[in-house]
Amino acid sequence: MDSSCLKLPYQDEYVSIDEDLAGLTILHLQSGPWGPHITRLAKQFRAKRIDFRATEDWTDTDLSFLKEFGELQSLDVELPFQWAEHTLDFLAYVPNLTSLNLRAGPRVRWEKIETLKRLRELAVFLRSPGPEPRPIEFSALTDLVRCRLGWTPAWNSVLKAKQIKDLQIHEIYNNIPAQLTHLDCSSLLGLERLTLLGCKRLKSITLGSDVRIRELWVNGSPRLHLGSLLGEHLEKLTVIGNVASEWEEIAKAKRLKRLDISFASKLRSAPFIKELPMLELVSISGKLPEDEEAYMKAINDRFRAKRKKEAKIA
């Protein structure tokens, strides 16, 4: 269940209905097939998002209930890996989606996603490694600003989608046909936030000269050289595990406000934090020299005192 839920208006053994922080009503099908009573519940609560996990015995016909929800805003679907012949035709029932999270096997017709012209958020993941999936032309989704995907060469057109501001790349499986060693983001002119998860062989990233990365999250990329990612516009940096760069390079990110480094076994000292004049919050796991620990504590104490003062004024 979504941890952002404010309340639980309804729940039984098959369905739960939540309301998120933005006031969006979400219907979760927890188990069993979809039935008319669930459609009635969704309409009663005016659900704008539906989440479900299809089982092996579902067919395209079982998804026809979506015809009742032409104005649906968000859909979260997991299809069985073996459902090789699935067409994704059900997406035609929900043309107004602005958010789609889809997990399926490689043989589904992934290109059907391109018909959802109002999509602003998209997450696509293969259920498990297998044959190369059908390609998706991400640049066809002209309103898309946030994209999360499990990396596969078939989906590399995401790197040409100029409108994307927030990109997350997950490299989950070690036996995919071509693991990432270089990521060319030079065409992502609007990119502001980049997240890399499990890209174990990734060594370098190319950015366009006008790209302004403000947030960077790196988890499990020990061969990566941060390089140009530490630009003048970077405000938030999270690194989990080691990277190939010298840690001192972080001092180049003079506008950095938040820094979090954890499980970095090669980091013994962090004098560079004293060269970051705008730093507001910092967390570096492990034992650092006493003066650096004291410096971090002073920064964090100042931030908390400021927030406490602002809360009192409000």
Protein backbone atom coordinates (compact mmCIF):
# COMPACT_ATOMS: atom_id res chain seq x y z
CA MET A 1 0.00 0.00 0.00
CA ASP A 2 1.23 3.51 -0.86
CA SER A 3 3.03 4.99 2.16
CA SER A 4 1.83 8.47 1.18
CA CYS A 5 -1.83 7.62 1.91
CA LEU A 6 -3.61 9.92 4.32
CA LYS A 7 -6.58 7.69 5.12
CA LEU A 8 -8.26 4.43 4.23
CA PRO A 9 -11.89 5.08 3.22
CA TYR A 10 -12.61 1.47 2.26
CA GLN A 11 -11.09 -2.00 2.52
CA ASP A 12 -12.23 -5.60 2.13
CA GLU A 13 -10.42 -8.83 1.30
CA TYR A 14 -10.18 -7.94 -2.39
CA VAL A 15 -10.02 -4.15 -2.62
CA SER A 16 -8.67 -1.15 -0.78
CA ILE A 17 -9.30 2.50 -1.58
CA ASP A 18 -6.91 5.22 -0.48
CA GLU A 19 -6.50 8.94 -0.87
CA ASP A 20 -2.99 10.25 -1.50
CA LEU A 21 -1.45 13.54 -0.42
CA ALA A 22 -2.67 15.27 -3.57
CA GLY A 23 -6.24 14.11 -2.96
CA LEU A 24 -6.15 11.53 -5.76
CA THR A 25 -8.38 8.53 -4.97
CA ILE A 26 -6.64 5.20 -5.64
CA LEU A 27 -8.31 1.81 -5.96
CA HIS A 28 -6.03 -1.20 -5.34
CA LEU A 29 -7.21 -4.61 -6.51
CA GLN A 30 -5.44 -6.75 -3.93
CA SER A 31 -6.56 -10.20 -5.09
CA GLY A 32 -9.04 -11.98 -7.31
CA PRO A 33 -10.56 -11.01 -10.67
CA TRP A 34 -12.22 -7.69 -11.40
CA GLY A 35 -15.97 -7.83 -11.04
CA PRO A 36 -18.95 -5.45 -11.45
CA HIS A 37 -18.99 -4.69 -7.71
CA ILE A 38 -15.45 -3.33 -7.99
CA THR A 39 -16.48 -1.09 -10.88
CA ARG A 40 -19.31 0.23 -8.70
CA LEU A 41 -16.87 0.93 -5.85
CA ALA A 42 -14.45 2.73 -8.14
CA LYS A 43 -17.21 4.95 -9.46
CA GLN A 44 -18.67 5.53 -6.00
CA PHE A 45 -15.33 6.79 -4.71
CA ARG A 46 -14.50 8.51 -8.03
CA ALA A 47 -11.18 6.71 -8.32
CA LYS A 48 -8.65 8.50 -10.52
CA ARG A 49 -6.01 5.77 -10.23
CA ILE A 50 -6.33 1.99 -10.44
CA ASP A 51 -3.65 -0.52 -9.40
CA PHE A 52 -3.84 -4.23 -10.12
CA ARG A 53 -1.71 -7.35 -10.67
CA ALA A 54 -3.06 -9.65 -13.36
CA THR A 55 -2.72 -13.40 -12.83
CA GLU A 56 -1.81 -16.02 -15.44
CA ASP A 57 -5.44 -16.83 -16.21
CA TRP A 58 -6.36 -13.25 -17.18
CA THR A 59 -6.88 -12.45 -20.87
CA ASP A 60 -7.39 -9.25 -22.84
CA THR A 61 -11.13 -9.64 -22.18
CA ASP A 62 -10.51 -9.52 -18.44
CA LEU A 63 -9.21 -5.97 -18.89
CA SER A 64 -12.31 -4.73 -20.69
CA PHE A 65 -13.52 -3.22 -17.39
CA LEU A 66 -11.24 -0.29 -18.17
CA LYS A 67 -13.77 0.82 -20.79
CA GLU A 68 -15.72 2.23 -17.84
CA PHE A 69 -12.86 4.56 -16.88
CA GLY A 70 -12.09 6.68 -19.92
CA GLU A 71 -11.12 9.64 -17.72
CA LEU A 72 -8.71 7.66 -15.54
CA GLN A 73 -5.55 9.63 -14.73
CA SER A 74 -3.19 6.96 -13.43
CA LEU A 75 -2.75 3.22 -13.95
CA ASP A 76 -0.37 0.78 -12.25
CA VAL A 77 -0.33 -2.68 -13.86
CA GLU A 78 1.74 -5.82 -13.52
CA LEU A 79 1.23 -8.47 -16.20
CA PRO A 80 2.54 -12.05 -15.91
CA PHE A 81 5.88 -12.65 -17.59
CA GLN A 82 4.50 -15.58 -19.57
CA TRP A 83 1.64 -13.53 -20.98
CA ALA A 84 3.51 -13.37 -24.26
CA GLU A 85 0.60 -12.65 -26.57
CA HIS A 86 -0.81 -9.73 -24.64
CA THR A 87 -1.48 -6.78 -26.95
CA LEU A 88 -1.78 -3.84 -24.52
CA ASP A 89 -4.95 -2.92 -26.45
CA PHE A 90 -6.51 -2.03 -23.09
CA LEU A 91 -4.53 1.23 -23.19
CA ALA A 92 -6.99 2.45 -25.83
CA TYR A 93 -9.69 2.46 -23.13
CA VAL A 94 -7.80 4.99 -21.01
CA PRO A 95 -6.48 7.62 -23.48
CA ASN A 96 -6.33 10.38 -20.85
CA LEU A 97 -3.74 8.76 -18.61
CA THR A 98 -1.11 11.16 -17.32
CA SER A 99 0.73 8.44 -15.35
CA LEU A 100 1.44 4.79 -16.23
CA ASN A 101 3.47 2.18 -14.36
CA LEU A 102 3.70 -1.04 -16.38
CA ARG A 103 5.62 -4.24 -15.67
CA ALA A 104 5.40 -7.08 -18.17
CA GLY A 105 7.33 -9.61 -20.24
CA PRO A 106 9.33 -8.66 -23.34
CA ARG A 107 6.86 -9.83 -25.98
CA VAL A 108 3.97 -7.49 -25.19
CA ARG A 109 3.36 -4.68 -27.66
CA TRP A 110 5.22 -2.02 -25.71
CA GLU A 111 4.87 0.46 -28.59
CA LYS A 112 1.16 0.86 -27.73
CA ILE A 113 2.33 3.18 -24.95
CA GLU A 114 3.13 5.75 -27.64
CA THR A 115 -0.61 6.33 -28.15
CA LEU A 116 -0.96 7.88 -24.68
CA LYS A 117 -0.24 11.45 -25.74
CA ARG A 118 -1.07 13.00 -22.35
CA LEU A 119 1.45 10.96 -20.35
CA ARG A 120 3.63 13.02 -18.04
CA GLU A 121 4.99 10.15 -15.93
CA LEU A 122 5.96 6.71 -17.20
CA ALA A 123 7.59 3.70 -15.56
CA VAL A 124 8.32 0.59 -17.64
CA PHE A 125 10.06 -2.56 -16.41
CA LEU A 126 10.61 -6.06 -17.74
CA ARG A 127 9.40 -8.71 -15.33
CA SER A 128 12.60 -10.76 -15.83
CA PRO A 129 15.39 -11.05 -18.41
CA GLY A 130 14.57 -12.66 -21.71
CA PRO A 131 14.33 -11.79 -25.41
CA GLU A 132 14.86 -8.18 -26.44
CA PRO A 133 11.53 -6.33 -25.96
CA ARG A 134 9.78 -4.36 -28.65
CA PRO A 135 11.09 -0.76 -28.82
CA ILE A 136 9.33 2.32 -27.50
CA GLU A 137 9.70 5.68 -29.21
CA PHE A 138 9.80 7.91 -26.15
CA SER A 139 10.06 11.15 -28.13
CA ALA A 140 6.51 10.47 -29.38
CA LEU A 141 5.32 11.22 -25.84
CA THR A 142 5.72 14.97 -26.08
CA ASP A 143 4.30 15.73 -22.61
CA LEU A 144 6.50 13.17 -20.83
CA VAL A 145 8.64 14.80 -18.14
CA ARG A 146 9.39 11.91 -15.74
CA CYS A 147 10.53 8.46 -16.84
CA ARG A 148 11.70 5.39 -14.92
CA LEU A 149 12.80 2.31 -16.79
CA GLY A 150 14.70 -0.92 -16.52
CA TRP A 151 17.56 -0.52 -18.96
CA THR A 152 17.50 -2.43 -22.23
CA PRO A 153 19.04 -1.29 -25.55
CA ALA A 154 15.60 -1.53 -27.17
CA TRP A 155 14.46 1.44 -25.11
CA ASN A 156 17.47 3.69 -25.66
CA SER A 157 15.32 6.23 -27.52
CA VAL A 158 14.59 7.61 -24.06
CA LEU A 159 17.96 9.35 -24.41
CA LYS A 160 16.57 11.39 -27.34
CA ALA A 161 13.42 12.59 -25.58
CA LYS A 162 14.31 16.26 -25.12
CA GLN A 163 11.32 17.02 -22.92
CA ILE A 164 12.29 14.68 -20.04
CA LYS A 165 13.29 16.44 -16.83
CA ASP A 166 13.51 13.49 -14.45
CA LEU A 167 15.13 10.23 -15.62
CA GLN A 168 15.68 7.08 -13.58
CA ILE A 169 17.58 4.16 -15.07
CA HIS A 170 17.64 0.78 -13.32
CA GLU A 171 19.96 -1.97 -14.50
CA ILE A 172 18.43 -4.86 -12.60
CA TYR A 173 19.71 -7.89 -14.46
CA ASN A 174 23.37 -8.76 -15.06
CA ASN A 175 22.70 -10.84 -18.16
CA ILE A 176 20.96 -8.29 -20.37
CA PRO A 177 22.41 -8.19 -23.93
CA ALA A 178 24.40 -4.99 -23.51
CA GLN A 179 25.12 -3.49 -20.12
CA LEU A 180 25.64 0.24 -19.86
CA THR A 181 29.22 1.46 -19.95
CA HIS A 182 28.49 4.96 -21.25
CA LEU A 183 25.30 7.01 -21.09
CA ASP A 184 24.87 9.73 -23.69
CA CYS A 185 22.42 12.26 -22.25
CA SER A 186 23.51 15.09 -24.52
CA SER A 187 20.08 15.27 -26.19
CA LEU A 188 18.18 15.52 -22.89
CA LEU A 189 18.19 19.30 -22.91
CA GLY A 190 15.69 19.70 -20.07
CA LEU A 191 17.19 17.10 -17.72
CA GLU A 192 17.23 18.26 -14.09
CA ARG A 193 17.17 15.05 -12.05
CA LEU A 194 19.07 11.84 -12.82
CA THR A 195 18.86 8.59 -10.84
CA LEU A 196 21.10 5.58 -11.55
CA LEU A 197 20.43 2.27 -9.82
CA GLY A 198 22.61 -0.82 -10.17
CA CYS A 199 24.52 0.36 -13.26
CA LYS A 200 27.57 -1.65 -12.27
CA ARG A 201 29.58 -1.22 -15.48
CA LEU A 202 28.70 2.40 -16.15
CA LYS A 203 31.86 4.51 -16.42
CA SER A 204 30.85 7.88 -17.87
CA ILE A 205 27.95 10.15 -18.77
CA THR A 206 27.82 12.85 -21.43
CA LEU A 207 25.65 15.92 -20.86
CA GLY A 208 24.72 18.72 -23.22
CA SER A 209 26.48 22.03 -22.55
CA ASP A 210 23.21 23.70 -21.48
CA VAL A 211 21.92 20.86 -19.27
CA ARG A 212 21.43 21.83 -15.64
CA ILE A 213 21.44 18.78 -13.39
CA ARG A 214 20.06 19.83 -10.00
CA GLU A 215 19.63 16.42 -8.36
CA LEU A 216 21.78 13.32 -8.77
CA TRP A 217 21.27 9.91 -7.13
CA VAL A 218 23.84 7.16 -7.75
CA ASN A 219 23.45 3.72 -6.19
CA GLY A 220 25.71 0.81 -7.13
CA SER A 221 27.90 2.31 -9.88
CA PRO A 222 31.46 1.68 -8.65
CA ARG A 223 33.08 2.40 -12.04
CA LEU A 224 31.39 5.75 -12.60
CA HIS A 225 33.36 8.98 -12.92
CA LEU A 226 31.05 11.77 -11.79
CA GLY A 227 32.84 14.35 -13.92
CA SER A 228 30.50 16.90 -15.50
CA LEU A 229 27.62 15.72 -13.30
CA LEU A 230 29.18 17.84 -10.55
CA GLY A 231 28.24 21.03 -12.34
CA GLU A 232 27.54 24.49 -11.01
CA HIS A 233 23.78 23.86 -10.81
CA LEU A 234 23.88 20.67 -8.72
CA GLU A 235 21.97 21.16 -5.46
CA LYS A 236 21.38 17.64 -4.18
CA LEU A 237 23.75 14.65 -4.38
CA THR A 238 23.23 11.12 -3.06
CA VAL A 239 25.89 8.45 -3.53
CA ILE A 240 25.39 4.93 -2.18
CA GLY A 241 28.49 2.76 -2.45
CA ASN A 242 31.80 3.65 -4.06
CA VAL A 243 32.40 5.50 -7.30
CA ALA A 244 35.54 5.67 -9.45
CA SER A 245 35.90 9.44 -8.98
CA GLU A 246 38.09 10.93 -6.31
CA TRP A 247 35.76 12.14 -3.58
CA GLU A 248 37.50 15.51 -3.60
CA GLU A 249 35.86 16.26 -6.96
CA ILE A 250 32.61 16.95 -5.11
CA ALA A 251 34.12 20.29 -4.09
CA LYS A 252 33.40 21.48 -7.66
CA ALA A 253 29.65 21.52 -6.93
CA LYS A 254 29.65 24.92 -5.24
CA ARG A 255 25.85 25.23 -5.11
CA LEU A 256 25.38 21.89 -3.39
CA LYS A 257 22.82 22.16 -0.58
CA ARG A 258 22.29 18.53 0.40
CA LEU A 259 24.86 15.75 0.41
CA ASP A 260 24.35 12.12 1.41
CA ILE A 261 27.12 9.51 1.06
CA SER A 262 26.65 6.03 2.49
CA PHE A 263 28.35 2.62 2.30
CA ALA A 264 31.41 4.15 0.65
CA SER A 265 34.20 1.97 2.02
CA LYS A 266 36.92 3.99 0.29
CA LEU A 267 35.94 7.26 1.97
CA ARG A 268 38.10 7.90 5.03
CA SER A 269 37.98 11.69 5.13
CA ALA A 270 35.77 14.38 3.61
CA PRO A 271 37.60 17.72 3.79
CA PHE A 272 35.75 18.80 0.64
CA ILE A 273 32.61 19.54 2.66
CA LYS A 274 34.34 22.67 3.94
CA GLU A 275 34.60 23.91 0.35
CA LEU A 276 30.84 23.80 -0.21
CA PRO A 277 29.57 27.22 0.94
CA MET A 278 25.84 26.54 0.41
CA LEU A 279 25.68 23.18 2.17
CA GLU A 280 22.56 22.88 4.37
CA LEU A 281 22.34 19.18 5.20
CA VAL A 282 25.08 16.56 5.08
CA SER A 283 25.24 12.87 5.99
CA ILE A 284 28.34 10.74 5.46
CA SER A 285 28.29 7.28 6.99
CA GLY A 286 31.38 5.81 8.57
CA LYS A 287 33.98 7.32 10.86
CA LEU A 288 35.50 10.62 9.77
CA PRO A 289 38.09 12.78 11.55
CA GLU A 290 36.70 14.59 14.59
CA ASP A 291 36.90 18.06 13.04
CA GLU A 292 34.88 16.91 10.02
CA GLU A 293 32.28 15.23 12.22
CA ALA A 294 31.97 18.46 14.21
CA TYR A 295 31.67 20.49 10.99
CA MET A 296 28.85 18.25 9.73
CA LYS A 297 27.04 18.47 13.04
CA ALA A 298 27.24 22.27 13.01
CA ILE A 299 25.77 22.43 9.50
CA ASN A 300 22.90 20.10 10.36
CA ASP A 301 22.19 21.85 13.67
CA ARG A 302 21.98 25.18 11.87
CA PHE A 303 19.50 23.76 9.37
CA ARG A 304 17.27 22.26 12.06
CA ALA A 305 17.31 25.48 14.08
CA LYS A 306 16.29 27.42 10.98
CA ARG A 307 13.40 25.05 10.25
CA LYS A 308 12.24 25.18 13.85
CA LYS A 309 12.23 28.96 13.77
CA GLU A 310 10.29 29.00 10.49
CA ALA A 311 7.71 26.60 11.94
CA LYS A 312 7.13 28.88 14.92
CA ILE A 313 6.65 31.91 12.70
CA ALA A 314 4.16 30.01 10.50
